[in-house]
Amino acid sequence: MVNFQNFLGDIMQDKLHMNHHPGINPKPFNSEIIDINKDSIFLAETYCYPRGGGQPGDIGKLVNNIGEKIDFLEVMPGELIAHPVVDTNKFNLGEQVTCVIDTYNRNQNTRMHTAQHIFSAIAEDLWGAETVGNQLGPSYSRIDLKFENKEIFDQDELINNVNTIINSSIIVNVHNWERSKILDHPQIRHTKFINRIPSSIKELRVVEIEGIDLCPCAGTHVDITSDIPNVKFISKKNKGKGRIRISYEFE
C-alpha cells in the first residue's frame, strides 16, 4: 500500500528514498507523472535522492511510454521532489514512466556520505572537532571542522583511523526515532539543527555506524563500511579562527 507522506494541495508524492536502504545500486522503478511544470517532472512516488545535507541529488534517465530515454538533471528538494528535464514536452500528465537512477553517481555519493560520517566522528573523538559544514561529490568531498586548537590536527592520524574503520566491515543501520529518543540518547551527535525541523514531523531518520557514529541524517548510506573504498587526503585549508577545511577522495 502506498503511504503518501508529502502533499501540495491535492497532489501527493511518496518520498521512498527515506525508507529505501541500502543506498547503493538502486534499481529502475515505475511511477506516474502527477505534475509537469516548465522544466521539471513530478512523480507519484520516487526513490530519487534530492539535493540536501551536502549530498548532491540523483541524476539519471526517464523512459517515456514510447521508449524514449530522456536525461533528468540533479533532483531537487521541496514539498514535491522535482526531476528536472531538458524537454518536458516529451512527457504527458498521467503517463507511466520508468526512472533509471545513474548507479555510478548514486553509489559514489552514497559512499562519500558514509565516509563523511566516519571522518566527522573520528575528528570529534580525537580532538573534539565539530563538523560545521560539508560538500559531497562523486569525485571528491570536503568537510569543515571547528577546533578549539586546530594546531593539533594530524591528517595522517585521521586518514589511518578512517581507513581502519572502512576495512573493519562495520554494519550501518538506519532507524526511525522520535525526537525525544534522539535528544535523550547519550551517544547521539549533531542535533543542533533539529529545532529547525517543523514540529509536525514526529520521527526522524537516524543513521548508525555501529560503535562509531549515531546521528540524524536523511542522506543515502552503504549498509556496511567495507562497501567504501579506502580514502586518501587531498588538502587542508585554513577557513578562519579555529576552522579548517579538509578534502578527500577515494584511492
Protein backbone atom coordinates (compact mmCIF):
# COMPACT_ATOMS: atom_id res chain seq x y z
CA MET A 1 0.00 0.00 0.00
CA VAL A 2 1.32 3.45 -0.89
CA ASN A 3 1.70 5.69 2.12
CA PHE A 4 1.61 9.24 0.77
CA GLN A 5 3.78 11.23 3.16
CA ASN A 6 4.01 14.59 1.44
CA PHE A 7 1.50 16.69 -0.44
CA LEU A 8 0.93 20.08 -2.04
CA GLY A 9 -2.75 20.89 -2.34
CA ASP A 10 -4.37 17.78 -3.80
CA ILE A 11 -1.10 16.49 -5.35
CA MET A 12 0.65 13.78 -3.31
CA GLN A 13 4.07 12.20 -3.54
CA ASP A 14 5.67 9.29 -1.71
CA LYS A 15 9.35 10.04 -1.00
CA LEU A 16 10.62 6.50 -0.99
CA HIS A 17 14.31 7.41 -0.59
CA MET A 18 13.57 8.00 3.09
CA ASN A 19 12.94 4.30 3.72
CA HIS A 20 15.00 2.69 0.94
CA HIS A 21 18.22 1.25 2.37
CA PRO A 22 20.95 0.35 1.47
CA GLY A 23 21.62 3.36 -0.72
CA ILE A 24 23.77 1.80 -3.45
CA ASN A 25 22.84 0.04 -6.70
CA PRO A 26 19.31 1.49 -6.98
CA LYS A 27 17.03 -0.44 -9.31
CA PRO A 28 14.85 1.19 -12.01
CA PHE A 29 11.31 1.88 -10.86
CA ASN A 30 8.00 2.79 -12.47
CA SER A 31 5.87 5.75 -11.45
CA GLU A 32 3.09 8.02 -12.71
CA ILE A 33 3.60 11.65 -13.68
CA ILE A 34 1.41 13.72 -11.36
CA ASP A 35 2.54 17.21 -12.40
CA ILE A 36 4.66 18.96 -15.02
CA ASN A 37 5.98 22.49 -14.98
CA LYS A 38 8.17 24.31 -17.48
CA ASP A 39 11.34 22.40 -16.61
CA SER A 40 10.55 19.54 -14.21
CA ILE A 41 8.61 16.29 -13.93
CA PHE A 42 6.92 15.28 -10.66
CA LEU A 43 6.28 11.61 -9.93
CA ALA A 44 3.68 9.98 -7.66
CA GLU A 45 6.49 8.12 -5.92
CA THR A 46 10.23 8.35 -6.30
CA TYR A 47 13.33 6.65 -4.95
CA CYS A 48 15.49 9.54 -6.18
CA TYR A 49 17.52 11.39 -3.58
CA PRO A 50 17.03 15.18 -3.79
CA ARG A 51 19.91 17.55 -3.12
CA GLY A 52 20.36 18.15 0.61
CA GLY A 53 22.63 17.76 3.62
CA GLY A 54 25.70 18.38 1.47
CA GLN A 55 24.83 15.44 -0.80
CA PRO A 56 24.05 16.07 -4.48
CA GLY A 57 20.74 14.91 -5.87
CA ASP A 58 20.44 11.88 -8.13
CA ILE A 59 20.68 12.13 -11.90
CA GLY A 60 19.60 9.57 -14.50
CA LYS A 61 17.07 8.91 -17.25
CA LEU A 62 13.29 8.87 -17.55
CA VAL A 63 11.87 6.47 -20.14
CA ASN A 64 8.53 7.64 -21.57
CA ASN A 65 5.72 5.49 -22.94
CA ILE A 66 7.22 5.30 -26.44
CA GLY A 67 10.61 4.20 -25.16
CA GLU A 68 12.50 7.48 -25.42
CA LYS A 69 15.22 7.89 -22.79
CA ILE A 70 15.43 11.48 -21.58
CA ASP A 71 18.10 12.63 -19.14
CA PHE A 72 16.94 14.10 -15.87
CA LEU A 73 19.28 16.51 -14.14
CA GLU A 74 20.03 16.82 -10.43
CA VAL A 75 16.86 16.04 -8.47
CA MET A 76 15.78 18.94 -6.28
CA PRO A 77 14.01 19.07 -2.89
CA GLY A 78 10.72 20.70 -1.96
CA GLU A 79 7.19 19.83 -0.95
CA LEU A 80 7.34 17.74 -4.11
CA ILE A 81 10.65 16.34 -5.33
CA ALA A 82 11.41 17.77 -8.79
CA HIS A 83 13.07 15.80 -11.60
CA PRO A 84 14.40 18.50 -13.97
CA VAL A 85 14.47 17.57 -17.68
CA VAL A 86 15.60 19.47 -20.77
CA ASP A 87 12.32 18.94 -22.65
CA THR A 88 9.09 18.43 -20.70
CA ASN A 89 7.19 18.10 -24.00
CA LYS A 90 8.40 14.51 -24.14
CA PHE A 91 6.02 13.64 -21.29
CA ASN A 92 2.30 13.76 -20.52
CA LEU A 93 0.37 14.17 -17.29
CA GLY A 94 -0.78 10.78 -16.01
CA GLU A 95 1.79 8.90 -18.07
CA GLN A 96 3.60 5.89 -16.60
CA VAL A 97 7.38 6.29 -16.88
CA THR A 98 10.41 4.26 -15.88
CA CYS A 99 13.03 6.07 -13.81
CA VAL A 100 16.62 4.83 -14.11
CA ILE A 101 18.90 6.37 -11.48
CA ASP A 102 22.55 6.80 -12.55
CA THR A 103 24.11 3.99 -10.48
CA TYR A 104 27.72 5.22 -10.58
CA ASN A 105 26.77 8.71 -9.43
CA ARG A 106 24.47 7.43 -6.64
CA ASN A 107 26.99 4.86 -5.43
CA GLN A 108 29.83 7.37 -5.28
CA ASN A 109 27.73 9.95 -3.42
CA THR A 110 26.46 7.30 -1.02
CA ARG A 111 29.95 6.04 -0.23
CA MET A 112 31.25 9.58 0.14
CA HIS A 113 28.43 10.40 2.57
CA THR A 114 29.06 7.41 4.82
CA ALA A 115 32.80 8.18 4.73
CA GLN A 116 31.99 11.74 5.83
CA HIS A 117 30.17 10.39 8.89
CA ILE A 118 33.29 8.40 9.79
CA PHE A 119 35.59 11.42 9.26
CA SER A 120 33.37 13.62 11.43
CA ALA A 121 33.06 11.05 14.20
CA ILE A 122 36.81 10.40 14.35
CA ALA A 123 37.66 14.13 14.33
CA GLU A 124 35.28 14.68 17.24
CA ASP A 125 36.58 11.70 19.19
CA LEU A 126 40.25 12.55 18.64
CA TRP A 127 40.22 16.32 19.03
CA GLY A 128 36.71 17.43 19.96
CA ALA A 129 36.38 18.95 16.48
CA GLU A 130 32.87 19.86 15.38
CA THR A 131 31.72 19.37 11.79
CA VAL A 132 30.23 22.71 10.74
CA GLY A 133 29.79 22.05 7.02
CA ASN A 134 30.36 19.57 4.24
CA GLN A 135 30.01 19.26 0.49
CA LEU A 136 29.97 15.80 -1.05
CA GLY A 137 30.58 14.76 -4.63
CA PRO A 138 31.27 11.65 -6.70
CA SER A 139 34.94 12.57 -7.28
CA TYR A 140 35.95 14.24 -4.01
CA SER A 141 34.38 15.71 -0.89
CA ARG A 142 35.20 18.31 1.74
CA ILE A 143 34.43 18.75 5.42
CA ASP A 144 34.71 21.93 7.51
CA LEU A 145 35.93 21.28 11.07
CA LYS A 146 35.95 23.66 14.02
CA PHE A 147 38.62 23.22 16.70
CA GLU A 148 39.46 24.92 19.97
CA ASN A 149 43.07 24.48 18.81
CA LYS A 150 43.42 23.48 15.17
CA GLU A 151 47.18 23.03 15.56
CA ILE A 152 46.53 19.57 17.00
CA PHE A 153 45.05 18.32 13.71
CA ASP A 154 47.01 15.42 12.21
CA GLN A 155 45.92 14.39 8.72
CA ASP A 156 47.75 11.05 8.79
CA GLU A 157 46.16 10.05 12.08
CA LEU A 158 42.73 10.95 10.74
CA ILE A 159 43.12 9.08 7.44
CA ASN A 160 44.58 5.98 9.12
CA ASN A 161 41.68 5.82 11.58
CA VAL A 162 39.08 6.31 8.84
CA ASN A 163 40.55 3.57 6.65
CA THR A 164 40.79 1.20 9.62
CA ILE A 165 37.04 1.61 10.19
CA ILE A 166 36.26 1.25 6.48
CA ASN A 167 38.18 -2.04 6.35
CA SER A 168 36.57 -3.39 9.53
CA SER A 169 33.24 -4.24 7.80
CA ILE A 170 31.13 -2.38 10.36
CA ILE A 171 27.35 -2.57 9.91
CA VAL A 172 25.43 0.62 9.09
CA ASN A 173 21.87 0.73 10.44
CA VAL A 174 19.02 3.11 9.69
CA HIS A 175 16.41 3.89 12.37
CA ASN A 176 13.27 6.00 12.56
CA TRP A 177 13.24 7.56 16.03
CA GLU A 178 11.02 10.04 17.82
CA ARG A 179 12.56 13.41 18.67
CA SER A 180 12.60 12.71 22.41
CA LYS A 181 14.57 9.49 21.93
CA ILE A 182 17.08 11.28 19.71
CA LEU A 183 17.61 14.20 22.08
CA ASP A 184 17.87 11.95 25.15
CA HIS A 185 20.28 9.41 23.67
CA PRO A 186 23.75 9.71 25.26
CA GLN A 187 25.68 8.78 22.07
CA ILE A 188 23.78 10.93 19.57
CA ARG A 189 25.75 13.55 17.59
CA HIS A 190 24.79 16.63 15.56
CA THR A 191 21.36 17.55 16.95
CA LYS A 192 21.61 21.36 16.79
CA PHE A 193 19.52 21.53 13.61
CA ILE A 194 16.55 19.57 14.97
CA ASN A 195 14.74 22.67 16.26
CA ARG A 196 14.62 23.96 12.67
CA ILE A 197 12.58 20.95 11.56
CA PRO A 198 8.79 21.50 11.80
CA SER A 199 7.24 20.04 14.95
CA SER A 200 4.68 18.26 12.76
CA ILE A 201 7.45 15.80 11.82
CA LYS A 202 7.36 13.40 14.76
CA GLU A 203 10.04 10.93 13.67
CA LEU A 204 13.47 11.49 12.16
CA ARG A 205 15.81 9.18 10.32
CA VAL A 206 18.90 8.23 12.35
CA VAL A 207 21.99 6.63 10.79
CA GLU A 208 24.13 4.39 12.99
CA ILE A 209 27.61 3.13 12.13
CA GLU A 210 27.82 0.61 14.93
CA GLY A 211 30.16 1.78 17.67
CA ILE A 212 31.38 4.73 15.58
CA ASP A 213 28.65 7.25 14.83
CA LEU A 214 24.99 7.87 15.58
CA CYS A 215 23.25 10.95 14.22
CA PRO A 216 20.10 12.17 12.44
CA CYS A 217 20.60 12.12 8.67
CA ALA A 218 18.33 11.80 5.63
CA GLY A 219 21.14 11.00 3.19
CA THR A 220 21.86 7.71 1.46
CA HIS A 221 24.34 5.31 3.05
CA VAL A 222 26.00 1.95 2.48
CA ASP A 223 24.91 -0.94 4.68
CA ILE A 224 28.45 -2.00 5.63
CA THR A 225 31.64 0.08 5.73
CA SER A 226 33.59 -2.36 3.53
CA ASP A 227 31.45 -1.09 0.61
CA ILE A 228 33.52 2.12 0.82
CA PRO A 229 36.92 2.29 -0.93
CA ASN A 230 39.89 3.45 1.11
CA VAL A 231 40.20 7.22 1.24
CA LYS A 232 43.19 9.48 0.75
CA PHE A 233 43.84 13.05 1.81
CA ILE A 234 43.77 15.82 -0.81
CA SER A 235 44.25 19.10 1.03
CA LYS A 236 43.80 21.20 4.14
CA LYS A 237 42.82 24.88 4.06
CA ASN A 238 42.51 27.35 6.91
CA LYS A 239 38.98 28.82 6.97
CA GLY A 240 39.26 31.36 9.79
CA LYS A 241 39.74 31.15 13.53
CA GLY A 242 39.71 27.55 14.70
CA ARG A 243 38.41 26.23 11.37
CA ILE A 244 39.97 24.09 8.69
CA ARG A 245 38.58 22.55 5.52
CA ILE A 246 39.79 19.07 4.62
CA SER A 247 39.24 17.40 1.27
CA TYR A 248 39.41 13.70 0.47
CA GLU A 249 38.90 11.27 -2.39
CA PHE A 250 38.85 7.53 -2.90
CA GLU A 251 42.04 5.65 -3.68
